[in-house]
Amino acid sequence: MNQFKLVARIIEKSALRYTPAGVPIAAAILMHSAKQREANIERIVEFEINAQAAGLISKQFNDLPLDVETEFTGFLARKNRNSKSLVFHINEIGTHLLD
């Protein structure tokens, strides 16, 4: 199963675009920062990941404010079939997590 859930902030958005078939695509860069335990040691984990939402959820994703922690669920896939880079494909947007 390929399911990915992440609490992150949108730090950069691209303009809404459309596929040749007319499907809307919203793209952004997400920033994740959290404390994690590994081998009984706490460490800070931070990373950026490219994300996109297609179809009906794209407008909701595109309308999210910058820099607000939100829970996202989806899956990871290659940017394209010849790429090694991953993109987080969002298919569910959870609640905003305010400080």
PDB file of N, CA and C in Angstrom:
ATOM      1  N   MET A   1       0.847  -1.178   0.000  1.00  0.00           N
ATOM      2  CA  MET A   1       0.000   0.000   0.000  1.00  0.00           C
ATOM      3  C   MET A   1       0.889   1.237   0.000  1.00  0.00           C
ATOM      4  N   ASN A   2       0.503   2.219  -0.765  1.00  0.00           N
ATOM      5  CA  ASN A   2       1.224   3.488  -0.850  1.00  0.00           C
ATOM      6  C   ASN A   2       0.297   4.570  -0.319  1.00  0.00           C
ATOM      7  N   GLN A   3       0.371   4.824   0.984  1.00  0.00           N
ATOM      8  CA  GLN A   3      -0.413   5.897   1.592  1.00  0.00           C
ATOM      9  C   GLN A   3       0.539   6.718   2.436  1.00  0.00           C
ATOM     10  N   PHE A   4       0.446   8.033   2.291  1.00  0.00           N
ATOM     11  CA  PHE A   4       1.355   8.951   2.970  1.00  0.00           C
ATOM     12  C   PHE A   4       0.520  10.004   3.669  1.00  0.00           C
ATOM     13  N   LYS A   5       0.777  10.204   4.949  1.00  0.00           N
ATOM     14  CA  LYS A   5       0.068  11.220   5.731  1.00  0.00           C
ATOM     15  C   LYS A   5       1.122  12.132   6.329  1.00  0.00           C
ATOM     16  N   LEU A   6       0.888  13.433   6.241  1.00  0.00           N
ATOM     17  CA  LEU A   6       1.902  14.393   6.650  1.00  0.00           C
ATOM     18  C   LEU A   6       1.253  15.658   7.176  1.00  0.00           C
ATOM     19  N   VAL A   7       1.795  16.172   8.270  1.00  0.00           N
ATOM     20  CA  VAL A   7       1.422  17.497   8.747  1.00  0.00           C
ATOM     21  C   VAL A   7       2.509  18.435   8.244  1.00  0.00           C
ATOM     22  N   ALA A   8       2.096  19.438   7.478  1.00  0.00           N
ATOM     23  CA  ALA A   8       3.071  20.334   6.849  1.00  0.00           C
ATOM     24  C   ALA A   8       2.440  21.700   6.594  1.00  0.00           C
ATOM     25  N   ARG A   9       3.293  22.641   6.203  1.00  0.00           N
ATOM     26  CA  ARG A   9       2.860  23.991   5.839  1.00  0.00           C
ATOM     27  C   ARG A   9       3.157  24.212   4.359  1.00  0.00           C
ATOM     28  N   ILE A  10       2.265  24.881   3.663  1.00  0.00           N
ATOM     29  CA  ILE A  10       2.544  25.282   2.283  1.00  0.00           C
ATOM     30  C   ILE A  10       3.465  26.492   2.350  1.00  0.00           C
ATOM     31  N   ILE A  11       4.610  26.390   1.697  1.00  0.00           N
ATOM     32  CA  ILE A  11       5.540  27.520   1.710  1.00  0.00           C
ATOM     33  C   ILE A  11       5.654  28.209   0.350  1.00  0.00           C
ATOM     34  N   GLU A  12       5.173  27.547  -0.686  1.00  0.00           N
ATOM     35  CA  GLU A  12       5.205  28.141  -2.031  1.00  0.00           C
ATOM     36  C   GLU A  12       4.133  27.479  -2.886  1.00  0.00           C
ATOM     37  N   LYS A  13       3.418  28.306  -3.662  1.00  0.00           N
ATOM     38  CA  LYS A  13       2.370  27.781  -4.552  1.00  0.00           C
ATOM     39  C   LYS A  13       2.674  28.146  -5.996  1.00  0.00           C
ATOM     40  N   SER A  14       2.238  27.295  -6.898  1.00  0.00           N
ATOM     41  CA  SER A  14       2.273  27.584  -8.329  1.00  0.00           C
ATOM     42  C   SER A  14       0.864  27.967  -8.769  1.00  0.00           C
ATOM     43  N   ALA A  15       0.772  28.609  -9.919  1.00  0.00           N
ATOM     44  CA  ALA A  15      -0.541  28.966 -10.462  1.00  0.00           C
ATOM     45  C   ALA A  15      -1.302  27.689 -10.823  1.00  0.00           C
ATOM     46  N   LEU A  16      -2.606  27.719 -10.620  1.00  0.00           N
ATOM     47  CA  LEU A  16      -3.460  26.583 -10.988  1.00  0.00           C
ATOM     48  C   LEU A  16      -3.315  26.349 -12.492  1.00  0.00           C
ATOM     49  N   ARG A  17      -3.117  25.097 -12.889  1.00  0.00           N
ATOM     50  CA  ARG A  17      -2.983  24.763 -14.308  1.00  0.00           C
ATOM     51  C   ARG A  17      -3.979  23.677 -14.656  1.00  0.00           C
ATOM     52  N   TYR A  18      -4.109  23.404 -15.946  1.00  0.00           N
ATOM     53  CA  TYR A  18      -5.070  22.398 -16.416  1.00  0.00           C
ATOM     54  C   TYR A  18      -4.375  21.428 -17.358  1.00  0.00           C
ATOM     55  N   THR A  19      -4.726  20.148 -17.241  1.00  0.00           N
ATOM     56  CA  THR A  19      -4.203  19.140 -18.162  1.00  0.00           C
ATOM     57  C   THR A  19      -4.890  19.334 -19.516  1.00  0.00           C
ATOM     58  N   PRO A  20      -4.373  18.705 -20.577  1.00  0.00           N
ATOM     59  CA  PRO A  20      -5.051  18.790 -21.871  1.00  0.00           C
ATOM     60  C   PRO A  20      -6.513  18.305 -21.814  1.00  0.00           C
ATOM     61  N   ALA A  21      -6.820  17.429 -20.867  1.00  0.00           N
ATOM     62  CA  ALA A  21      -8.195  16.936 -20.716  1.00  0.00           C
ATOM     63  C   ALA A  21      -9.057  17.878 -19.863  1.00  0.00           C
ATOM     64  N   GLY A  22      -8.453  18.976 -19.385  1.00  0.00           N
ATOM     65  CA  GLY A  22      -9.208  19.958 -18.611  1.00  0.00           C
ATOM     66  C   GLY A  22      -9.252  19.714 -17.114  1.00  0.00           C
ATOM     67  N   VAL A  23      -8.432  18.792 -16.610  1.00  0.00           N
ATOM     68  CA  VAL A  23      -8.396  18.510 -15.168  1.00  0.00           C
ATOM     69  C   VAL A  23      -7.523  19.557 -14.481  1.00  0.00           C
ATOM     70  N   PRO A  24      -8.055  20.249 -13.462  1.00  0.00           N
ATOM     71  CA  PRO A  24      -7.248  21.249 -12.758  1.00  0.00           C
ATOM     72  C   PRO A  24      -6.196  20.585 -11.863  1.00  0.00           C
ATOM     73  N   ILE A  25      -5.001  21.191 -11.842  1.00  0.00           N
ATOM     74  CA  ILE A  25      -3.890  20.703 -11.029  1.00  0.00           C
ATOM     75  C   ILE A  25      -3.352  21.878 -10.217  1.00  0.00           C
ATOM     76  N   ALA A  26      -3.326  21.717  -8.901  1.00  0.00           N
ATOM     77  CA  ALA A  26      -2.731  22.714  -8.010  1.00  0.00           C
ATOM     78  C   ALA A  26      -1.429  22.127  -7.477  1.00  0.00           C
ATOM     79  N   ALA A  27      -0.351  22.895  -7.554  1.00  0.00           N
ATOM     80  CA  ALA A  27       0.952  22.412  -7.099  1.00  0.00           C
ATOM     81  C   ALA A  27       1.526  23.373  -6.065  1.00  0.00           C
ATOM     82  N   ALA A  28       2.309  22.805  -5.141  1.00  0.00           N
ATOM     83  CA  ALA A  28       2.916  23.601  -4.088  1.00  0.00           C
ATOM     84  C   ALA A  28       4.127  22.871  -3.523  1.00  0.00           C
ATOM     85  N   ILE A  29       4.880  23.590  -2.720  1.00  0.00           N
ATOM     86  CA  ILE A  29       5.961  22.984  -1.948  1.00  0.00           C
ATOM     87  C   ILE A  29       5.526  23.003  -0.491  1.00  0.00           C
ATOM     88  N   LEU A  30       5.615  21.837   0.149  1.00  0.00           N
ATOM     89  CA  LEU A  30       5.258  21.710   1.558  1.00  0.00           C
ATOM     90  C   LEU A  30       6.523  21.628   2.397  1.00  0.00           C
ATOM     91  N   MET A  31       6.452  22.182   3.607  1.00  0.00           N
ATOM     92  CA  MET A  31       7.560  22.107   4.563  1.00  0.00           C
ATOM     93  C   MET A  31       7.069  21.371   5.807  1.00  0.00           C
ATOM     94  N   HIS A  32       7.790  20.314   6.167  1.00  0.00           N
ATOM     95  CA  HIS A  32       7.467  19.536   7.368  1.00  0.00           C
ATOM     96  C   HIS A  32       8.585  19.745   8.384  1.00  0.00           C
ATOM     97  N   SER A  33       8.200  19.935   9.639  1.00  0.00           N
ATOM     98  CA  SER A  33       9.170  20.063  10.718  1.00  0.00           C
ATOM     99  C   SER A  33       8.557  19.453  11.975  1.00  0.00           C
ATOM    100  N   ALA A  34       9.246  18.478  12.574  1.00  0.00           N
ATOM    101  CA  ALA A  34       8.721  17.820  13.770  1.00  0.00           C
ATOM    102  C   ALA A  34       9.845  17.145  14.528  1.00  0.00           C
ATOM    103  N   LYS A  35       9.565  16.821  15.781  1.00  0.00           N
ATOM    104  CA  LYS A  35      10.473  16.014  16.584  1.00  0.00           C
ATOM    105  C   LYS A  35      10.029  14.561  16.458  1.00  0.00           C
ATOM    106  N   GLN A  36      10.969  13.684  16.215  1.00  0.00           N
ATOM    107  CA  GLN A  36      10.700  12.252  16.067  1.00  0.00           C
ATOM    108  C   GLN A  36      11.632  11.483  16.995  1.00  0.00           C
ATOM    109  N   ARG A  37      11.186  10.325  17.431  1.00  0.00           N
ATOM    110  CA  ARG A  37      12.041   9.443  18.229  1.00  0.00           C
ATOM    111  C   ARG A  37      12.530   8.306  17.336  1.00  0.00           C
ATOM    112  N   GLU A  38      13.823   8.082  17.401  1.00  0.00           N
ATOM    113  CA  GLU A  38      14.436   6.984  16.654  1.00  0.00           C
ATOM    114  C   GLU A  38      15.514   6.380  17.540  1.00  0.00           C
ATOM    115  N   ALA A  39      15.459   5.085  17.750  1.00  0.00           N
ATOM    116  CA  ALA A  39      16.413   4.391  18.616  1.00  0.00           C
ATOM    117  C   ALA A  39      16.465   5.053  19.991  1.00  0.00           C
ATOM    118  N   ASN A  40      15.300   5.439  20.473  1.00  0.00           N
ATOM    119  CA  ASN A  40      15.135   6.074  21.779  1.00  0.00           C
ATOM    120  C   ASN A  40      15.854   7.427  21.901  1.00  0.00           C
ATOM    121  N   ILE A  41      16.116   8.062  20.767  1.00  0.00           N
ATOM    122  CA  ILE A  41      16.738   9.386  20.742  1.00  0.00           C
ATOM    123  C   ILE A  41      15.813  10.322  20.004  1.00  0.00           C
ATOM    124  N   GLU A  42      15.573  11.490  20.585  1.00  0.00           N
ATOM    125  CA  GLU A  42      14.724  12.479  19.918  1.00  0.00           C
ATOM    126  C   GLU A  42      15.565  13.281  18.937  1.00  0.00           C
ATOM    127  N   ARG A  43      15.014  13.478  17.743  1.00  0.00           N
ATOM    128  CA  ARG A  43      15.717  14.271  16.723  1.00  0.00           C
ATOM    129  C   ARG A  43      14.722  15.153  16.005  1.00  0.00           C
ATOM    130  N   ILE A  44      15.213  16.226  15.447  1.00  0.00           N
ATOM    131  CA  ILE A  44      14.382  17.137  14.667  1.00  0.00           C
ATOM    132  C   ILE A  44      14.465  16.705  13.207  1.00  0.00           C
ATOM    133  N   VAL A  45      13.286  16.539  12.595  1.00  0.00           N
ATOM    134  CA  VAL A  45      13.203  16.143  11.190  1.00  0.00           C
ATOM    135  C   VAL A  45      12.564  17.291  10.422  1.00  0.00           C
ATOM    136  N   GLU A  46      13.252  17.767   9.409  1.00  0.00           N
ATOM    137  CA  GLU A  46      12.731  18.852   8.565  1.00  0.00           C
ATOM    138  C   GLU A  46      13.004  18.506   7.111  1.00  0.00           C
ATOM    139  N   PHE A  47      11.994  18.740   6.257  1.00  0.00           N
ATOM    140  CA  PHE A  47      12.201  18.550   4.825  1.00  0.00           C
ATOM    141  C   PHE A  47      11.130  19.282   4.040  1.00  0.00           C
ATOM    142  N   GLU A  48      11.437  19.520   2.782  1.00  0.00           N
ATOM    143  CA  GLU A  48      10.477  20.082   1.833  1.00  0.00           C
ATOM    144  C   GLU A  48      10.124  18.990   0.841  1.00  0.00           C
ATOM    145  N   ILE A  49       8.865  19.021   0.367  1.00  0.00           N
ATOM    146  CA  ILE A  49       8.429  18.034  -0.610  1.00  0.00           C
ATOM    147  C   ILE A  49       7.477  18.708  -1.606  1.00  0.00           C
ATOM    148  N   ASN A  50       7.627  18.364  -2.863  1.00  0.00           N
ATOM    149  CA  ASN A  50       6.705  18.850  -3.886  1.00  0.00           C
ATOM    150  C   ASN A  50       5.388  18.104  -3.734  1.00  0.00           C
ATOM    151  N   ALA A  51       4.291  18.844  -3.870  1.00  0.00           N
ATOM    152  CA  ALA A  51       2.967  18.246  -3.715  1.00  0.00           C
ATOM    153  C   ALA A  51       2.037  18.763  -4.795  1.00  0.00           C
ATOM    154  N   GLN A  52       1.025  17.967  -5.110  1.00  0.00           N
ATOM    155  CA  GLN A  52       0.004  18.411  -6.054  1.00  0.00           C
ATOM    156  C   GLN A  52      -1.325  17.778  -5.725  1.00  0.00           C
ATOM    157  N   ALA A  53      -2.383  18.467  -6.118  1.00  0.00           N
ATOM    158  CA  ALA A  53      -3.747  17.962  -5.951  1.00  0.00           C
ATOM    159  C   ALA A  53      -4.448  18.120  -7.292  1.00  0.00           C
ATOM    160  N   ALA A  54      -5.139  17.080  -7.728  1.00  0.00           N
ATOM    161  CA  ALA A  54      -5.793  17.093  -9.031  1.00  0.00           C
ATOM    162  C   ALA A  54      -7.301  16.934  -8.883  1.00  0.00           C
ATOM    163  N   GLY A  55      -8.020  17.514  -9.828  1.00  0.00           N
ATOM    164  CA  GLY A  55      -9.474  17.351  -9.848  1.00  0.00           C
ATOM    165  C   GLY A  55     -10.167  18.253  -8.850  1.00  0.00           C
ATOM    166  N   LEU A  56     -11.241  17.739  -8.249  1.00  0.00           N
ATOM    167  CA  LEU A  56     -12.084  18.538  -7.361  1.00  0.00           C
ATOM    168  C   LEU A  56     -11.338  19.114  -6.161  1.00  0.00           C
ATOM    169  N   ILE A  57     -10.381  18.374  -5.617  1.00  0.00           N
ATOM    170  CA  ILE A  57      -9.669  18.834  -4.422  1.00  0.00           C
ATOM    171  C   ILE A  57      -8.641  19.930  -4.735  1.00  0.00           C
ATOM    172  N   SER A  58      -8.334  20.133  -6.005  1.00  0.00           N
ATOM    173  CA  SER A  58      -7.305  21.117  -6.378  1.00  0.00           C
ATOM    174  C   SER A  58      -7.667  22.539  -5.947  1.00  0.00           C
ATOM    175  N   LYS A  59      -8.935  22.930  -6.046  1.00  0.00           N
ATOM    176  CA  LYS A  59      -9.338  24.277  -5.635  1.00  0.00           C
ATOM    177  C   LYS A  59      -9.175  24.441  -4.134  1.00  0.00           C
ATOM    178  N   GLN A  60      -9.601  23.440  -3.361  1.00  0.00           N
ATOM    179  CA  GLN A  60      -9.448  23.505  -1.902  1.00  0.00           C
ATOM    180  C   GLN A  60      -7.966  23.612  -1.529  1.00  0.00           C
ATOM    181  N   PHE A  61      -7.124  22.821  -2.183  1.00  0.00           N
ATOM    182  CA  PHE A  61      -5.680  22.853  -1.928  1.00  0.00           C
ATOM    183  C   PHE A  61      -5.104  24.213  -2.309  1.00  0.00           C
ATOM    184  N   ASN A  62      -5.503  24.716  -3.462  1.00  0.00           N
ATOM    185  CA  ASN A  62      -4.994  25.998  -3.949  1.00  0.00           C
ATOM    186  C   ASN A  62      -5.433  27.167  -3.053  1.00  0.00           C
ATOM    187  N   ASP A  63      -6.603  27.055  -2.424  1.00  0.00           N
ATOM    188  CA  ASP A  63      -7.124  28.116  -1.567  1.00  0.00           C
ATOM    189  C   ASP A  63      -6.548  28.109  -0.150  1.00  0.00           C
ATOM    190  N   LEU A  64      -5.781  27.084   0.209  1.00  0.00           N
ATOM    191  CA  LEU A  64      -5.203  27.041   1.555  1.00  0.00           C
ATOM    192  C   LEU A  64      -4.210  28.188   1.741  1.00  0.00           C
ATOM    193  N   PRO A  65      -4.176  28.773   2.938  1.00  0.00           N
ATOM    194  CA  PRO A  65      -3.225  29.850   3.193  1.00  0.00           C
ATOM    195  C   PRO A  65      -1.799  29.310   3.332  1.00  0.00           C
ATOM    196  N   LEU A  66      -0.845  30.166   3.083  1.00  0.00           N
ATOM    197  CA  LEU A  66       0.557  29.816   3.276  1.00  0.00           C
ATOM    198  C   LEU A  66       0.864  29.733   4.769  1.00  0.00           C
ATOM    199  N   ASP A  67       1.823  28.904   5.115  1.00  0.00           N
ATOM    200  CA  ASP A  67       2.425  28.850   6.439  1.00  0.00           C
ATOM    201  C   ASP A  67       1.467  28.452   7.572  1.00  0.00           C
ATOM    202  N   VAL A  68       0.438  27.668   7.258  1.00  0.00           N
ATOM    203  CA  VAL A  68      -0.480  27.149   8.274  1.00  0.00           C
ATOM    204  C   VAL A  68      -0.363  25.627   8.276  1.00  0.00           C
ATOM    205  N   GLU A  69      -0.041  25.043   9.431  1.00  0.00           N
ATOM    206  CA  GLU A  69       0.087  23.595   9.493  1.00  0.00           C
ATOM    207  C   GLU A  69      -1.254  22.924   9.202  1.00  0.00           C
ATOM    208  N   THR A  70      -1.207  21.973   8.286  1.00  0.00           N
ATOM    209  CA  THR A  70      -2.403  21.263   7.836  1.00  0.00           C
ATOM    210  C   THR A  70      -2.038  19.798   7.664  1.00  0.00           C
ATOM    211  N   GLU A  71      -2.997  18.925   7.883  1.00  0.00           N
ATOM    212  CA  GLU A  71      -2.773  17.499   7.692  1.00  0.00           C
ATOM    213  C   GLU A  71      -3.189  17.109   6.273  1.00  0.00           C
ATOM    214  N   PHE A  72      -2.281  16.457   5.560  1.00  0.00           N
ATOM    215  CA  PHE A  72      -2.516  16.025   4.185  1.00  0.00           C
ATOM    216  C   PHE A  72      -2.385  14.503   4.108  1.00  0.00           C
ATOM    217  N   THR A  73      -3.223  13.873   3.279  1.00  0.00           N
ATOM    218  CA  THR A  73      -3.142  12.438   3.036  1.00  0.00           C
ATOM    219  C   THR A  73      -3.147  12.210   1.529  1.00  0.00           C
ATOM    220  N   GLY A  74      -2.368  11.249   1.088  1.00  0.00           N
ATOM    221  CA  GLY A  74      -2.306  10.931  -0.333  1.00  0.00           C
ATOM    222  C   GLY A  74      -1.333   9.800  -0.579  1.00  0.00           C
ATOM    223  N   PHE A  75      -0.587   9.910  -1.660  1.00  0.00           N
ATOM    224  CA  PHE A  75       0.373   8.872  -2.016  1.00  0.00           C
ATOM    225  C   PHE A  75       1.579   9.508  -2.689  1.00  0.00           C
ATOM    226  N   LEU A  76       2.676   8.771  -2.735  1.00  0.00           N
ATOM    227  CA  LEU A  76       3.902   9.225  -3.388  1.00  0.00           C
ATOM    228  C   LEU A  76       4.044   8.554  -4.745  1.00  0.00           C
ATOM    229  N   ALA A  77       4.480   9.331  -5.721  1.00  0.00           N
ATOM    230  CA  ALA A  77       4.730   8.796  -7.059  1.00  0.00           C
ATOM    231  C   ALA A  77       5.877   9.585  -7.692  1.00  0.00           C
ATOM    232  N   ARG A  78       6.511   8.990  -8.675  1.00  0.00           N
ATOM    233  CA  ARG A  78       7.555   9.698  -9.405  1.00  0.00           C
ATOM    234  C   ARG A  78       6.975  10.917 -10.109  1.00  0.00           C
ATOM    235  N   LYS A  79       7.806  11.942 -10.255  1.00  0.00           N
ATOM    236  CA  LYS A  79       7.381  13.152 -10.965  1.00  0.00           C
ATOM    237  C   LYS A  79       6.935  12.809 -12.380  1.00  0.00           C
ATOM    238  N   ASN A  80       7.672  11.960 -13.029  1.00  0.00           N
ATOM    239  CA  ASN A  80       7.288  11.365 -14.305  1.00  0.00           C
ATOM    240  C   ASN A  80       7.981  10.006 -14.398  1.00  0.00           C
ATOM    241  N   ARG A  81       7.675   9.244 -15.389  1.00  0.00           N
ATOM    242  CA  ARG A  81       8.174   7.862 -15.390  1.00  0.00           C
ATOM    243  C   ARG A  81       9.687   7.748 -15.495  1.00  0.00           C
ATOM    244  N   ASN A  82      10.368   8.779 -15.980  1.00  0.00           N
ATOM    245  CA  ASN A  82      11.830   8.726 -16.101  1.00  0.00           C
ATOM    246  C   ASN A  82      12.543   9.425 -14.940  1.00  0.00           C
ATOM    247  N   SER A  83      11.800   9.937 -13.995  1.00  0.00           N
ATOM    248  CA  SER A  83      12.373  10.715 -12.899  1.00  0.00           C
ATOM    249  C   SER A  83      12.580   9.856 -11.658  1.00  0.00           C
ATOM    250  N   LYS A  84      13.556  10.235 -10.859  1.00  0.00           N
ATOM    251  CA  LYS A  84      13.753   9.611  -9.548  1.00  0.00           C
ATOM    252  C   LYS A  84      13.140  10.474  -8.448  1.00  0.00           C
ATOM    253  N   SER A  85      12.735  11.701  -8.781  1.00  0.00           N
ATOM    254  CA  SER A  85      12.123  12.611  -7.808  1.00  0.00           C
ATOM    255  C   SER A  85      10.694  12.189  -7.499  1.00  0.00           C
ATOM    256  N   LEU A  86      10.311  12.355  -6.233  1.00  0.00           N
ATOM    257  CA  LEU A  86       8.962  11.997  -5.808  1.00  0.00           C
ATOM    258  C   LEU A  86       8.088  13.236  -5.656  1.00  0.00           C
ATOM    259  N   VAL A  87       6.794  13.045  -5.887  1.00  0.00           N
ATOM    260  CA  VAL A  87       5.787  14.083  -5.681  1.00  0.00           C
ATOM    261  C   VAL A  87       4.708  13.483  -4.787  1.00  0.00           C
ATOM    262  N   PHE A  88       4.259  14.266  -3.818  1.00  0.00           N
ATOM    263  CA  PHE A  88       3.184  13.877  -2.910  1.00  0.00           C
ATOM    264  C   PHE A  88       1.872  14.257  -3.583  1.00  0.00           C
ATOM    265  N   HIS A  89       1.087  13.264  -3.979  1.00  0.00           N
ATOM    266  CA  HIS A  89      -0.208  13.485  -4.619  1.00  0.00           C
ATOM    267  C   HIS A  89      -1.270  13.497  -3.525  1.00  0.00           C
ATOM    268  N   ILE A  90      -1.858  14.646  -3.290  1.00  0.00           N
ATOM    269  CA  ILE A  90      -2.801  14.823  -2.193  1.00  0.00           C
ATOM    270  C   ILE A  90      -4.207  14.481  -2.641  1.00  0.00           C
ATOM    271  N   ASN A  91      -4.875  13.621  -1.865  1.00  0.00           N
ATOM    272  CA  ASN A  91      -6.270  13.319  -2.177  1.00  0.00           C
ATOM    273  C   ASN A  91      -7.200  13.558  -0.977  1.00  0.00           C
ATOM    274  N   GLU A  92      -6.627  14.051   0.137  1.00  0.00           N
ATOM    275  CA  GLU A  92      -7.451  14.412   1.289  1.00  0.00           C
ATOM    276  C   GLU A  92      -6.738  15.495   2.089  1.00  0.00           C
ATOM    277  N   ILE A  93      -7.508  16.518   2.470  1.00  0.00           N
ATOM    278  CA  ILE A  93      -6.972  17.614   3.270  1.00  0.00           C
ATOM    279  C   ILE A  93      -7.704  17.604   4.603  1.00  0.00           C
ATOM    280  N   GLY A  94      -6.930  17.503   5.671  1.00  0.00           N
ATOM    281  CA  GLY A  94      -7.498  17.482   7.017  1.00  0.00           C
ATOM    282  C   GLY A  94      -7.651  18.886   7.572  1.00  0.00           C
ATOM    283  N   THR A  95      -7.683  18.949   8.872  1.00  0.00           N
ATOM    284  CA  THR A  95      -7.886  20.227   9.545  1.00  0.00           C
ATOM    285  C   THR A  95      -6.590  21.026   9.622  1.00  0.00           C
ATOM    286  N   HIS A  96      -6.762  22.340   9.755  1.00  0.00           N
ATOM    287  CA  HIS A  96      -5.626  23.220  10.022  1.00  0.00           C
ATOM    288  C   HIS A  96      -5.258  23.046  11.485  1.00  0.00           C
ATOM    289  N   LEU A  97      -3.986  22.976  11.756  1.00  0.00           N
ATOM    290  CA  LEU A  97      -3.522  22.803  13.118  1.00  0.00           C
ATOM    291  C   LEU A  97      -2.910  24.116  13.592  1.00  0.00           C
ATOM    292  N   LEU A  98      -3.680  24.922  14.263  1.00  0.00           N
ATOM    293  CA  LEU A  98      -3.229  26.230  14.698  1.00  0.00           C
ATOM    294  C   LEU A  98      -2.427  26.099  15.990  1.00  0.00           C
ATOM    295  N   ASP A  99      -1.431  26.953  16.126  1.00  0.00           N
ATOM    296  CA  ASP A  99      -0.567  26.935  17.324  1.00  0.00           C
ATOM    297  C   ASP A  99      -1.319  27.272  18.577  1.00  0.00           C
TER     298      ASP A  99
END
